[in-house]
């Protein structure tokens, strides 16, 4: 995550009048962790990214374009039956990650 993303998180948070502590509680994280996200010192995990954009009712691409490949992720997921819902995207990513891990394990055991 870069500093600009952290600035956007801070801007959205302060526009709603939330302190770091209040917003961190809504994200189920510690306040120092949120501070590090806002300062661009720490990468934001995908599940927290999704919580952030869901809370502010924003599109994931508005704040984290670096994680969306050139192909439109939502269109790609829609093509295989997933909706645009951020929670659905997170579940799809988790499922794909598990499948990749399984494939890697199978590959390692056959070589």
PDB file of N, CA and C in Angstrom:
ATOM      1  N   UNK A   1       0.852  -1.178   0.000  1.00  0.00           N
ATOM      2  CA  UNK A   1       0.000   0.000   0.000  1.00  0.00           C
ATOM      3  C   UNK A   1       0.890   1.231   0.000  1.00  0.00           C
ATOM      4  N   UNK A   2       0.478   2.227  -0.753  1.00  0.00           N
ATOM      5  CA  UNK A   2       1.291   3.436  -0.743  1.00  0.00           C
ATOM      6  C   UNK A   2       0.652   4.508   0.141  1.00  0.00           C
ATOM      7  N   UNK A   3       1.425   5.551   0.380  1.00  0.00           N
ATOM      8  CA  UNK A   3       0.990   6.637   1.279  1.00  0.00           C
ATOM      9  C   UNK A   3      -0.316   7.265   0.802  1.00  0.00           C
ATOM     10  N   UNK A   4      -0.499   7.388  -0.520  1.00  0.00           N
ATOM     11  CA  UNK A   4      -1.717   8.002  -1.037  1.00  0.00           C
ATOM     12  C   UNK A   4      -2.967   7.233  -0.618  1.00  0.00           C
ATOM     13  N   UNK A   5      -2.872   5.899  -0.610  1.00  0.00           N
ATOM     14  CA  UNK A   5      -4.013   5.096  -0.158  1.00  0.00           C
ATOM     15  C   UNK A   5      -4.316   5.397   1.302  1.00  0.00           C
ATOM     16  N   UNK A   6      -3.277   5.511   2.113  1.00  0.00           N
ATOM     17  CA  UNK A   6      -3.457   5.832   3.522  1.00  0.00           C
ATOM     18  C   UNK A   6      -4.102   7.196   3.703  1.00  0.00           C
ATOM     19  N   UNK A   7      -3.706   8.140   2.862  1.00  0.00           N
ATOM     20  CA  UNK A   7      -4.316   9.474   2.916  1.00  0.00           C
ATOM     21  C   UNK A   7      -5.808   9.407   2.610  1.00  0.00           C
ATOM     22  N   UNK A   8      -6.173   8.553   1.666  1.00  0.00           N
ATOM     23  CA  UNK A   8      -7.594   8.409   1.306  1.00  0.00           C
ATOM     24  C   UNK A   8      -8.368   7.797   2.474  1.00  0.00           C
ATOM     25  N   UNK A   9      -7.797   6.769   3.097  1.00  0.00           N
ATOM     26  CA  UNK A   9      -8.462   6.154   4.254  1.00  0.00           C
ATOM     27  C   UNK A   9      -8.665   7.206   5.343  1.00  0.00           C
ATOM     28  N   UNK A  10      -7.619   7.971   5.629  1.00  0.00           N
ATOM     29  CA  UNK A  10      -7.720   9.020   6.659  1.00  0.00           C
ATOM     30  C   UNK A  10      -8.800  10.044   6.277  1.00  0.00           C
ATOM     31  N   UNK A  11      -8.807  10.450   5.023  1.00  0.00           N
ATOM     32  CA  UNK A  11      -9.791  11.440   4.550  1.00  0.00           C
ATOM     33  C   UNK A  11     -11.210  10.916   4.737  1.00  0.00           C
ATOM     34  N   UNK A  12     -11.460   9.688   4.282  1.00  0.00           N
ATOM     35  CA  UNK A  12     -12.798   9.113   4.416  1.00  0.00           C
ATOM     36  C   UNK A  12     -13.188   8.994   5.885  1.00  0.00           C
ATOM     37  N   UNK A  13     -12.243   8.548   6.708  1.00  0.00           N
ATOM     38  CA  UNK A  13     -12.520   8.371   8.138  1.00  0.00           C
ATOM     39  C   UNK A  13     -12.863   9.697   8.798  1.00  0.00           C
ATOM     40  N   UNK A  14     -12.053  10.719   8.532  1.00  0.00           N
ATOM     41  CA  UNK A  14     -12.282  12.011   9.185  1.00  0.00           C
ATOM     42  C   UNK A  14     -13.533  12.706   8.652  1.00  0.00           C
ATOM     43  N   UNK A  15     -13.866  12.456   7.399  1.00  0.00           N
ATOM     44  CA  UNK A  15     -15.107  13.028   6.852  1.00  0.00           C
ATOM     45  C   UNK A  15     -16.327  12.540   7.618  1.00  0.00           C
ATOM     46  N   UNK A  16     -16.239  11.328   8.141  1.00  0.00           N
ATOM     47  CA  UNK A  16     -17.342  10.779   8.941  1.00  0.00           C
ATOM     48  C   UNK A  16     -17.193  11.093  10.422  1.00  0.00           C
ATOM     49  N   UNK A  17     -16.130  11.822  10.768  1.00  0.00           N
ATOM     50  CA  UNK A  17     -15.916  12.202  12.159  1.00  0.00           C
ATOM     51  C   UNK A  17     -15.489  11.065  13.059  1.00  0.00           C
ATOM     52  N   UNK A  18     -14.868  10.040  12.471  1.00  0.00           N
ATOM     53  CA  UNK A  18     -14.414   8.890  13.252  1.00  0.00           C
ATOM     54  C   UNK A  18     -12.967   9.084  13.684  1.00  0.00           C
ATOM     55  N   UNK A  19     -12.679   8.752  14.923  1.00  0.00           N
ATOM     56  CA  UNK A  19     -11.287   8.725  15.372  1.00  0.00           C
ATOM     57  C   UNK A  19     -10.648   7.443  14.842  1.00  0.00           C
ATOM     58  N   UNK A  20      -9.321   7.388  14.904  1.00  0.00           N
ATOM     59  CA  UNK A  20      -8.648   6.148  14.514  1.00  0.00           C
ATOM     60  C   UNK A  20      -9.120   4.995  15.385  1.00  0.00           C
ATOM     61  N   UNK A  21      -9.271   5.248  16.673  1.00  0.00           N
ATOM     62  CA  UNK A  21      -9.697   4.189  17.587  1.00  0.00           C
ATOM     63  C   UNK A  21     -11.077   3.662  17.214  1.00  0.00           C
ATOM     64  N   UNK A  22     -11.998   4.576  16.928  1.00  0.00           N
ATOM     65  CA  UNK A  22     -13.366   4.167  16.572  1.00  0.00           C
ATOM     66  C   UNK A  22     -13.373   3.349  15.282  1.00  0.00           C
ATOM     67  N   UNK A  23     -12.640   3.839  14.284  1.00  0.00           N
ATOM     68  CA  UNK A  23     -12.644   3.131  13.013  1.00  0.00           C
ATOM     69  C   UNK A  23     -11.915   1.797  13.120  1.00  0.00           C
ATOM     70  N   UNK A  24     -10.827   1.763  13.879  1.00  0.00           N
ATOM     71  CA  UNK A  24     -10.103   0.511  14.089  1.00  0.00           C
ATOM     72  C   UNK A  24     -11.021  -0.532  14.721  1.00  0.00           C
ATOM     73  N   UNK A  25     -11.832  -0.112  15.685  1.00  0.00           N
ATOM     74  CA  UNK A  25     -12.773  -1.045  16.317  1.00  0.00           C
ATOM     75  C   UNK A  25     -13.764  -1.588  15.295  1.00  0.00           C
ATOM     76  N   UNK A  26     -14.231  -0.739  14.390  1.00  0.00           N
ATOM     77  CA  UNK A  26     -15.171  -1.189  13.359  1.00  0.00           C
ATOM     78  C   UNK A  26     -14.524  -2.203  12.413  1.00  0.00           C
ATOM     79  N   UNK A  27     -13.216  -2.073  12.244  1.00  0.00           N
ATOM     80  CA  UNK A  27     -12.485  -3.003  11.387  1.00  0.00           C
ATOM     81  C   UNK A  27     -11.966  -4.228  12.139  1.00  0.00           C
ATOM     82  N   UNK A  28     -12.154  -4.233  13.456  1.00  0.00           N
ATOM     83  CA  UNK A  28     -11.654  -5.309  14.319  1.00  0.00           C
ATOM     84  C   UNK A  28     -10.134  -5.405  14.280  1.00  0.00           C
ATOM     85  N   UNK A  29      -9.493  -4.235  14.308  1.00  0.00           N
ATOM     86  CA  UNK A  29      -8.038  -4.165  14.366  1.00  0.00           C
ATOM     87  C   UNK A  29      -7.648  -3.185  15.465  1.00  0.00           C
ATOM     88  N   UNK A  30      -6.366  -3.139  15.789  1.00  0.00           N
ATOM     89  CA  UNK A  30      -5.867  -2.210  16.803  1.00  0.00           C
ATOM     90  C   UNK A  30      -5.623  -0.836  16.177  1.00  0.00           C
ATOM     91  N   UNK A  31      -5.739   0.214  16.978  1.00  0.00           N
ATOM     92  CA  UNK A  31      -5.539   1.581  16.501  1.00  0.00           C
ATOM     93  C   UNK A  31      -4.146   1.787  15.903  1.00  0.00           C
ATOM     94  N   UNK A  32      -3.066   1.278  16.523  1.00  0.00           N
ATOM     95  CA  UNK A  32      -1.743   1.470  15.907  1.00  0.00           C
ATOM     96  C   UNK A  32      -1.642   0.834  14.511  1.00  0.00           C
ATOM     97  N   UNK A  33      -2.358  -0.258  14.310  1.00  0.00           N
ATOM     98  CA  UNK A  33      -2.362  -0.904  12.993  1.00  0.00           C
ATOM     99  C   UNK A  33      -2.995   0.020  11.963  1.00  0.00           C
ATOM    100  N   UNK A  34      -4.140   0.609  12.313  1.00  0.00           N
ATOM    101  CA  UNK A  34      -4.795   1.556  11.413  1.00  0.00           C
ATOM    102  C   UNK A  34      -3.880   2.750  11.143  1.00  0.00           C
ATOM    103  N   UNK A  35      -3.222   3.224  12.162  1.00  0.00           N
ATOM    104  CA  UNK A  35      -2.293   4.342  11.999  1.00  0.00           C
ATOM    105  C   UNK A  35      -1.211   3.989  10.976  1.00  0.00           C
ATOM    106  N   UNK A  36      -0.675   2.788  11.070  1.00  0.00           N
ATOM    107  CA  UNK A  36       0.350   2.352  10.110  1.00  0.00           C
ATOM    108  C   UNK A  36      -0.201   2.254   8.698  1.00  0.00           C
ATOM    109  N   UNK A  37      -1.461   1.817   8.559  1.00  0.00           N
ATOM    110  CA  UNK A  37      -2.092   1.781   7.242  1.00  0.00           C
ATOM    111  C   UNK A  37      -2.190   3.194   6.682  1.00  0.00           C
ATOM    112  N   UNK A  38      -2.664   4.125   7.515  1.00  0.00           N
ATOM    113  CA  UNK A  38      -2.863   5.498   7.066  1.00  0.00           C
ATOM    114  C   UNK A  38      -1.543   6.182   6.728  1.00  0.00           C
ATOM    115  N   UNK A  39      -0.472   5.799   7.394  1.00  0.00           N
ATOM    116  CA  UNK A  39       0.851   6.377   7.117  1.00  0.00           C
ATOM    117  C   UNK A  39       1.544   5.677   5.947  1.00  0.00           C
ATOM    118  N   UNK A  40       0.934   4.592   5.444  1.00  0.00           N
ATOM    119  CA  UNK A  40       1.534   3.848   4.346  1.00  0.00           C
ATOM    120  C   UNK A  40       2.703   2.988   4.774  1.00  0.00           C
ATOM    121  N   UNK A  41       2.801   2.714   6.082  1.00  0.00           N
ATOM    122  CA  UNK A  41       3.923   1.927   6.602  1.00  0.00           C
ATOM    123  C   UNK A  41       3.669   0.427   6.517  1.00  0.00           C
ATOM    124  N   UNK A  42       2.412   0.029   6.468  1.00  0.00           N
ATOM    125  CA  UNK A  42       2.045  -1.378   6.508  1.00  0.00           C
ATOM    126  C   UNK A  42       1.067  -1.694   5.383  1.00  0.00           C
ATOM    127  N   UNK A  43       1.281  -2.831   4.731  1.00  0.00           N
ATOM    128  CA  UNK A  43       0.327  -3.292   3.723  1.00  0.00           C
ATOM    129  C   UNK A  43      -0.992  -3.663   4.388  1.00  0.00           C
ATOM    130  N   UNK A  44      -2.089  -3.330   3.750  1.00  0.00           N
ATOM    131  CA  UNK A  44      -3.408  -3.661   4.275  1.00  0.00           C
ATOM    132  C   UNK A  44      -3.824  -5.011   3.700  1.00  0.00           C
ATOM    133  N   UNK A  45      -4.110  -6.001   4.575  1.00  0.00           N
ATOM    134  CA  UNK A  45      -4.554  -7.307   4.080  1.00  0.00           C
ATOM    135  C   UNK A  45      -5.862  -7.170   3.292  1.00  0.00           C
ATOM    136  N   UNK A  46      -6.073  -8.081   2.365  1.00  0.00           N
ATOM    137  CA  UNK A  46      -7.247  -7.999   1.491  1.00  0.00           C
ATOM    138  C   UNK A  46      -8.551  -7.975   2.275  1.00  0.00           C
ATOM    139  N   UNK A  47      -8.654  -8.745   3.366  1.00  0.00           N
ATOM    140  CA  UNK A  47      -9.912  -8.749   4.107  1.00  0.00           C
ATOM    141  C   UNK A  47     -10.184  -7.383   4.744  1.00  0.00           C
ATOM    142  N   UNK A  48      -9.136  -6.694   5.194  1.00  0.00           N
ATOM    143  CA  UNK A  48      -9.306  -5.356   5.766  1.00  0.00           C
ATOM    144  C   UNK A  48      -9.612  -4.355   4.660  1.00  0.00           C
ATOM    145  N   UNK A  49      -8.978  -4.513   3.510  1.00  0.00           N
ATOM    146  CA  UNK A  49      -9.290  -3.639   2.377  1.00  0.00           C
ATOM    147  C   UNK A  49     -10.771  -3.712   2.038  1.00  0.00           C
ATOM    148  N   UNK A  50     -11.275  -4.930   2.023  1.00  0.00           N
ATOM    149  CA  UNK A  50     -12.693  -5.103   1.692  1.00  0.00           C
ATOM    150  C   UNK A  50     -13.597  -4.512   2.774  1.00  0.00           C
ATOM    151  N   UNK A  51     -13.199  -4.655   4.027  1.00  0.00           N
ATOM    152  CA  UNK A  51     -13.982  -4.033   5.104  1.00  0.00           C
ATOM    153  C   UNK A  51     -14.000  -2.521   4.953  1.00  0.00           C
ATOM    154  N   UNK A  52     -12.858  -1.934   4.606  1.00  0.00           N
ATOM    155  CA  UNK A  52     -12.756  -0.481   4.455  1.00  0.00           C
ATOM    156  C   UNK A  52     -13.687   0.008   3.352  1.00  0.00           C
ATOM    157  N   UNK A  53     -13.583  -0.592   2.173  1.00  0.00           N
ATOM    158  CA  UNK A  53     -14.410  -0.109   1.070  1.00  0.00           C
ATOM    159  C   UNK A  53     -15.881  -0.413   1.305  1.00  0.00           C
ATOM    160  N   UNK A  54     -16.177  -1.512   1.972  1.00  0.00           N
ATOM    161  CA  UNK A  54     -17.579  -1.821   2.289  1.00  0.00           C
ATOM    162  C   UNK A  54     -18.139  -0.815   3.281  1.00  0.00           C
ATOM    163  N   UNK A  55     -17.353  -0.466   4.299  1.00  0.00           N
ATOM    164  CA  UNK A  55     -17.810   0.483   5.307  1.00  0.00           C
ATOM    165  C   UNK A  55     -18.130   1.829   4.670  1.00  0.00           C
ATOM    166  N   UNK A  56     -17.260   2.278   3.770  1.00  0.00           N
ATOM    167  CA  UNK A  56     -17.455   3.580   3.143  1.00  0.00           C
ATOM    168  C   UNK A  56     -18.312   3.506   1.881  1.00  0.00           C
ATOM    169  N   UNK A  57     -18.751   2.290   1.534  1.00  0.00           N
ATOM    170  CA  UNK A  57     -19.568   2.073   0.336  1.00  0.00           C
ATOM    171  C   UNK A  57     -18.857   2.583  -0.924  1.00  0.00           C
ATOM    172  N   UNK A  58     -17.603   2.175  -1.038  1.00  0.00           N
ATOM    173  CA  UNK A  58     -16.770   2.561  -2.174  1.00  0.00           C
ATOM    174  C   UNK A  58     -16.417   1.320  -2.974  1.00  0.00           C
ATOM    175  N   UNK A  59     -15.960   1.537  -4.183  1.00  0.00           N
ATOM    176  CA  UNK A  59     -15.481   0.457  -5.027  1.00  0.00           C
ATOM    177  C   UNK A  59     -14.023   0.176  -4.659  1.00  0.00           C
ATOM    178  N   UNK A  60     -13.664  -1.072  -4.597  1.00  0.00           N
ATOM    179  CA  UNK A  60     -12.306  -1.481  -4.241  1.00  0.00           C
ATOM    180  C   UNK A  60     -11.262  -0.782  -5.104  1.00  0.00           C
ATOM    181  N   UNK A  61     -11.584  -0.569  -6.368  1.00  0.00           N
ATOM    182  CA  UNK A  61     -10.631   0.044  -7.292  1.00  0.00           C
ATOM    183  C   UNK A  61     -10.382   1.517  -7.001  1.00  0.00           C
ATOM    184  N   UNK A  62     -11.269   2.161  -6.241  1.00  0.00           N
ATOM    185  CA  UNK A  62     -11.092   3.579  -5.933  1.00  0.00           C
ATOM    186  C   UNK A  62      -9.883   3.833  -5.048  1.00  0.00           C
ATOM    187  N   UNK A  63      -9.563   2.885  -4.203  1.00  0.00           N
ATOM    188  CA  UNK A  63      -8.483   3.100  -3.247  1.00  0.00           C
ATOM    189  C   UNK A  63      -7.339   2.113  -3.399  1.00  0.00           C
ATOM    190  N   UNK A  64      -7.603   0.966  -3.977  1.00  0.00           N
ATOM    191  CA  UNK A  64      -6.569  -0.051  -4.117  1.00  0.00           C
ATOM    192  C   UNK A  64      -6.470  -0.546  -5.563  1.00  0.00           C
ATOM    193  N   UNK A  65      -6.222   0.363  -6.507  1.00  0.00           N
ATOM    194  CA  UNK A  65      -6.172  -0.076  -7.911  1.00  0.00           C
ATOM    195  C   UNK A  65      -5.031  -1.044  -8.193  1.00  0.00           C
ATOM    196  N   UNK A  66      -4.005  -1.039  -7.339  1.00  0.00           N
ATOM    197  CA  UNK A  66      -2.856  -1.906  -7.588  1.00  0.00           C
ATOM    198  C   UNK A  66      -3.171  -3.383  -7.422  1.00  0.00           C
ATOM    199  N   UNK A  67      -4.281  -3.712  -6.756  1.00  0.00           N
ATOM    200  CA  UNK A  67      -4.591  -5.133  -6.596  1.00  0.00           C
ATOM    201  C   UNK A  67      -5.583  -5.626  -7.634  1.00  0.00           C
ATOM    202  N   UNK A  68      -6.075  -4.720  -8.453  1.00  0.00           N
ATOM    203  CA  UNK A  68      -7.022  -5.121  -9.493  1.00  0.00           C
ATOM    204  C   UNK A  68      -6.237  -5.212 -10.799  1.00  0.00           C
ATOM    205  N   UNK A  69      -6.160  -6.397 -11.371  1.00  0.00           N
ATOM    206  CA  UNK A  69      -5.383  -6.560 -12.594  1.00  0.00           C
ATOM    207  C   UNK A  69      -5.991  -5.773 -13.752  1.00  0.00           C
ATOM    208  N   UNK A  70      -5.263  -5.724 -14.846  1.00  0.00           N
ATOM    209  CA  UNK A  70      -5.733  -4.995 -16.020  1.00  0.00           C
ATOM    210  C   UNK A  70      -7.125  -5.464 -16.425  1.00  0.00           C
ATOM    211  N   UNK A  71      -7.363  -6.756 -16.322  1.00  0.00           N
ATOM    212  CA  UNK A  71      -8.716  -7.252 -16.561  1.00  0.00           C
ATOM    213  C   UNK A  71      -9.596  -6.819 -15.403  1.00  0.00           C
ATOM    214  N   UNK A  72     -10.801  -6.474 -15.688  1.00  0.00           N
ATOM    215  CA  UNK A  72     -11.718  -6.054 -14.634  1.00  0.00           C
ATOM    216  C   UNK A  72     -12.078  -7.274 -13.790  1.00  0.00           C
ATOM    217  N   UNK A  73     -11.649  -7.263 -12.527  1.00  0.00           N
ATOM    218  CA  UNK A  73     -11.864  -8.402 -11.640  1.00  0.00           C
ATOM    219  C   UNK A  73     -13.345  -8.726 -11.493  1.00  0.00           C
ATOM    220  N   UNK A  74     -14.160  -7.709 -11.278  1.00  0.00           N
ATOM    221  CA  UNK A  74     -15.586  -7.967 -11.090  1.00  0.00           C
ATOM    222  C   UNK A  74     -16.211  -8.574 -12.336  1.00  0.00           C
ATOM    223  N   UNK A  75     -15.847  -8.089 -13.514  1.00  0.00           N
ATOM    224  CA  UNK A  75     -16.380  -8.669 -14.744  1.00  0.00           C
ATOM    225  C   UNK A  75     -15.935 -10.114 -14.881  1.00  0.00           C
ATOM    226  N   UNK A  76     -14.681 -10.374 -14.551  1.00  0.00           N
ATOM    227  CA  UNK A  76     -14.172 -11.741 -14.636  1.00  0.00           C
ATOM    228  C   UNK A  76     -14.926 -12.660 -13.695  1.00  0.00           C
ATOM    229  N   UNK A  77     -15.170 -12.185 -12.465  1.00  0.00           N
ATOM    230  CA  UNK A  77     -15.907 -13.004 -11.504  1.00  0.00           C
ATOM    231  C   UNK A  77     -17.359 -13.172 -11.922  1.00  0.00           C
ATOM    232  N   UNK A  78     -17.959 -12.124 -12.479  1.00  0.00           N
ATOM    233  CA  UNK A  78     -19.337 -12.234 -12.960  1.00  0.00           C
ATOM    234  C   UNK A  78     -19.448 -13.291 -14.048  1.00  0.00           C
ATOM    235  N   UNK A  79     -18.423 -13.378 -14.875  1.00  0.00           N
ATOM    236  CA  UNK A  79     -18.431 -14.332 -15.972  1.00  0.00           C
ATOM    237  C   UNK A  79     -18.493 -15.771 -15.476  1.00  0.00           C
ATOM    238  N   UNK A  80     -18.001 -16.007 -14.251  1.00  0.00           N
ATOM    239  CA  UNK A  80     -18.065 -17.362 -13.693  1.00  0.00           C
ATOM    240  C   UNK A  80     -19.114 -17.474 -12.588  1.00  0.00           C
ATOM    241  N   UNK A  81     -20.023 -16.498 -12.528  1.00  0.00           N
ATOM    242  CA  UNK A  81     -21.153 -16.621 -11.631  1.00  0.00           C
ATOM    243  C   UNK A  81     -21.097 -15.877 -10.316  1.00  0.00           C
ATOM    244  N   UNK A  82     -20.083 -15.056 -10.087  1.00  0.00           N
ATOM    245  CA  UNK A  82     -20.008 -14.290  -8.851  1.00  0.00           C
ATOM    246  C   UNK A  82     -20.602 -12.903  -9.062  1.00  0.00           C
ATOM    247  N   UNK A  83     -21.127 -12.305  -7.991  1.00  0.00           N
ATOM    248  CA  UNK A  83     -21.678 -10.955  -8.074  1.00  0.00           C
ATOM    249  C   UNK A  83     -20.603  -9.924  -7.792  1.00  0.00           C
ATOM    250  N   UNK A  84     -20.971  -8.634  -7.870  1.00  0.00           N
ATOM    251  CA  UNK A  84     -20.030  -7.554  -7.606  1.00  0.00           C
ATOM    252  C   UNK A  84     -19.844  -7.296  -6.115  1.00  0.00           C
ATOM    253  N   UNK A  85     -20.557  -7.976  -5.287  1.00  0.00           N
ATOM    254  CA  UNK A  85     -20.485  -7.778  -3.845  1.00  0.00           C
ATOM    255  C   UNK A  85     -19.063  -8.019  -3.355  1.00  0.00           C
ATOM    256  N   UNK A  86     -18.522  -7.065  -2.592  1.00  0.00           N
ATOM    257  CA  UNK A  86     -17.142  -7.190  -2.104  1.00  0.00           C
ATOM    258  C   UNK A  86     -16.917  -8.448  -1.276  1.00  0.00           C
ATOM    259  N   UNK A  87     -17.896  -8.835  -0.493  1.00  0.00           N
ATOM    260  CA  UNK A  87     -17.738 -10.053   0.309  1.00  0.00           C
ATOM    261  C   UNK A  87     -17.613 -11.265  -0.604  1.00  0.00           C
ATOM    262  N   UNK A  88     -18.355 -11.266  -1.688  1.00  0.00           N
ATOM    263  CA  UNK A  88     -18.279 -12.362  -2.643  1.00  0.00           C
ATOM    264  C   UNK A  88     -16.908 -12.393  -3.295  1.00  0.00           C
ATOM    265  N   UNK A  89     -16.366 -11.231  -3.592  1.00  0.00           N
ATOM    266  CA  UNK A  89     -15.028 -11.156  -4.177  1.00  0.00           C
ATOM    267  C   UNK A  89     -14.010 -11.754  -3.211  1.00  0.00           C
ATOM    268  N   UNK A  90     -14.125 -11.401  -1.930  1.00  0.00           N
ATOM    269  CA  UNK A  90     -13.209 -11.947  -0.930  1.00  0.00           C
ATOM    270  C   UNK A  90     -13.312 -13.464  -0.880  1.00  0.00           C
ATOM    271  N   UNK A  91     -14.532 -13.987  -0.884  1.00  0.00           N
ATOM    272  CA  UNK A  91     -14.711 -15.442  -0.860  1.00  0.00           C
ATOM    273  C   UNK A  91     -14.112 -16.093  -2.101  1.00  0.00           C
ATOM    274  N   UNK A  92     -14.284 -15.445  -3.238  1.00  0.00           N
ATOM    275  CA  UNK A  92     -13.723 -15.987  -4.477  1.00  0.00           C
ATOM    276  C   UNK A  92     -12.205 -16.024  -4.406  1.00  0.00           C
ATOM    277  N   UNK A  93     -11.610 -14.965  -3.865  1.00  0.00           N
ATOM    278  CA  UNK A  93     -10.157 -14.915  -3.728  1.00  0.00           C
ATOM    279  C   UNK A  93      -9.686 -16.025  -2.789  1.00  0.00           C
ATOM    280  N   UNK A  94     -10.409 -16.203  -1.690  1.00  0.00           N
ATOM    281  CA  UNK A  94     -10.035 -17.274  -0.751  1.00  0.00           C
ATOM    282  C   UNK A  94     -10.130 -18.642  -1.410  1.00  0.00           C
ATOM    283  N   UNK A  95     -11.210 -18.877  -2.167  1.00  0.00           N
ATOM    284  CA  UNK A  95     -11.378 -20.156  -2.840  1.00  0.00           C
ATOM    285  C   UNK A  95     -10.252 -20.385  -3.856  1.00  0.00           C
ATOM    286  N   UNK A  96      -9.947 -19.353  -4.619  1.00  0.00           N
ATOM    287  CA  UNK A  96      -8.873 -19.484  -5.605  1.00  0.00           C
ATOM    288  C   UNK A  96      -7.533 -19.738  -4.931  1.00  0.00           C
ATOM    289  N   UNK A  97      -7.296 -19.067  -3.819  1.00  0.00           N
ATOM    290  CA  UNK A  97      -6.046 -19.262  -3.079  1.00  0.00           C
ATOM    291  C   UNK A  97      -5.935 -20.697  -2.594  1.00  0.00           C
ATOM    292  N   UNK A  98      -7.030 -21.234  -2.076  1.00  0.00           N
ATOM    293  CA  UNK A  98      -7.021 -22.626  -1.604  1.00  0.00           C
ATOM    294  C   UNK A  98      -6.767 -23.582  -2.760  1.00  0.00           C
ATOM    295  N   UNK A  99      -7.371 -23.308  -3.916  1.00  0.00           N
ATOM    296  CA  UNK A  99      -7.169 -24.178  -5.073  1.00  0.00           C
ATOM    297  C   UNK A  99      -5.718 -24.131  -5.541  1.00  0.00           C
ATOM    298  N   UNK A 100      -5.120 -22.954  -5.537  1.00  0.00           N
ATOM    299  CA  UNK A 100      -3.715 -22.821  -5.932  1.00  0.00           C
ATOM    300  C   UNK A 100      -2.830 -23.598  -4.961  1.00  0.00           C
ATOM    301  N   UNK A 101      -3.119 -23.483  -3.657  1.00  0.00           N
ATOM    302  CA  UNK A 101      -2.334 -24.222  -2.663  1.00  0.00           C
ATOM    303  C   UNK A 101      -2.460 -25.725  -2.881  1.00  0.00           C
ATOM    304  N   UNK A 102      -3.676 -26.202  -3.140  1.00  0.00           N
ATOM    305  CA  UNK A 102      -3.883 -27.632  -3.385  1.00  0.00           C
ATOM    306  C   UNK A 102      -3.101 -28.087  -4.606  1.00  0.00           C
ATOM    307  N   UNK A 103      -3.171 -27.287  -5.663  1.00  0.00           N
ATOM    308  CA  UNK A 103      -2.449 -27.627  -6.881  1.00  0.00           C
ATOM    309  C   UNK A 103      -0.946 -27.660  -6.625  1.00  0.00           C
ATOM    310  N   UNK A 104      -0.445 -26.697  -5.871  1.00  0.00           N
ATOM    311  CA  UNK A 104       0.979 -26.655  -5.551  1.00  0.00           C
ATOM    312  C   UNK A 104       1.382 -27.873  -4.733  1.00  0.00           C
ATOM    313  N   UNK A 105       0.541 -28.271  -3.786  1.00  0.00           N
ATOM    314  CA  UNK A 105       0.843 -29.446  -2.974  1.00  0.00           C
ATOM    315  C   UNK A 105       0.877 -30.704  -3.845  1.00  0.00           C
ATOM    316  N   UNK A 106      -0.096 -30.840  -4.752  1.00  0.00           N
ATOM    317  CA  UNK A 106      -0.120 -31.993  -5.647  1.00  0.00           C
ATOM    318  C   UNK A 106       1.114 -32.010  -6.538  1.00  0.00           C
ATOM    319  N   UNK A 107       1.506 -30.843  -7.016  1.00  0.00           N
ATOM    320  CA  UNK A 107       2.670 -30.748  -7.884  1.00  0.00           C
ATOM    321  C   UNK A 107       3.933 -31.135  -7.124  1.00  0.00           C
ATOM    322  N   UNK A 108       4.046 -30.681  -5.886  1.00  0.00           N
ATOM    323  CA  UNK A 108       5.224 -30.991  -5.064  1.00  0.00           C
ATOM    324  C   UNK A 108       5.301 -32.472  -4.730  1.00  0.00           C
ATOM    325  N   UNK A 109       4.182 -33.142  -4.559  1.00  0.00           N
ATOM    326  CA  UNK A 109       4.213 -34.558  -4.209  1.00  0.00           C
ATOM    327  C   UNK A 109       4.455 -35.452  -5.405  1.00  0.00           C
ATOM    328  N   UNK A 110       4.233 -34.934  -6.620  1.00  0.00           N
ATOM    329  CA  UNK A 110       4.437 -35.770  -7.814  1.00  0.00           C
ATOM    330  C   UNK A 110       5.792 -35.544  -8.451  1.00  0.00           C
ATOM    331  N   UNK A 111       6.568 -34.589  -7.952  1.00  0.00           N
ATOM    332  CA  UNK A 111       7.881 -34.324  -8.565  1.00  0.00           C
ATOM    333  C   UNK A 111       8.990 -34.942  -7.754  1.00  0.00           C
TER     334      UNK A 111
END
